[in-house]
C-alpha cells in the first residue's frame, strides 16, 4: 500500500515525498487510459 493510503487510519504517520506524488499521478493516468479503453471498445 502506498504511504498516502494510510492517512485516514494513521494521520500522524503520513510522510510524503515528491516521488510519491509523481507515482500517484502516473498511476492515475494509467488507470484513466485503461478505463477509456474499456469505454471506447
Protein backbone atom coordinates (compact mmCIF):
# COMPACT_ATOMS: atom_id res chain seq x y z
CA UNK A 1 0.00 0.00 0.00
CA UNK A 2 1.20 3.48 -0.78
CA UNK A 3 2.17 5.62 2.22
CA UNK A 4 -0.51 8.22 1.45
CA UNK A 5 -3.12 5.45 1.64
CA UNK A 6 -2.73 5.14 5.41
CA UNK A 7 -3.57 8.75 6.27
CA UNK A 8 -7.14 8.02 7.31
CA UNK A 9 -6.18 5.38 9.83
CA UNK A 10 -2.81 6.77 10.91
CA UNK A 11 -2.90 10.53 10.26
CA UNK A 12 0.21 11.33 12.31
CA UNK A 13 2.40 8.95 10.34
CA UNK A 14 1.95 10.47 6.89
CA UNK A 15 5.21 11.40 5.19
CA UNK A 16 5.08 12.21 1.50
CA UNK A 17 7.97 12.74 -0.84
CA UNK A 18 7.85 14.18 -4.34
CA UNK A 19 8.22 10.73 -5.88
CA UNK A 20 5.05 9.60 -4.05
CA UNK A 21 3.07 12.32 -5.81
CA UNK A 22 4.70 11.53 -9.15
CA UNK A 23 3.89 7.84 -8.74
CA UNK A 24 0.27 8.57 -7.80
CA UNK A 25 -0.15 10.86 -10.82
CA UNK A 26 1.40 8.29 -13.17
CA UNK A 27 -0.81 5.51 -11.78
CA UNK A 28 -3.90 7.70 -12.12
CA UNK A 29 -3.03 8.36 -15.76
CA UNK A 30 -2.61 4.63 -16.39
CA UNK A 31 -5.99 3.99 -14.81
CA UNK A 32 -7.67 6.67 -16.93
CA UNK A 33 -6.15 5.22 -20.09
CA UNK A 34 -7.30 1.72 -19.08
CA UNK A 35 -10.84 2.95 -18.35
CA UNK A 36 -11.01 4.89 -21.64
CA UNK A 37 -10.04 1.72 -23.47
CA UNK A 38 -12.94 -0.16 -21.90
CA UNK A 39 -15.46 2.63 -22.52
CA UNK A 40 -14.38 3.15 -26.13
CA UNK A 41 -14.48 -0.54 -27.04
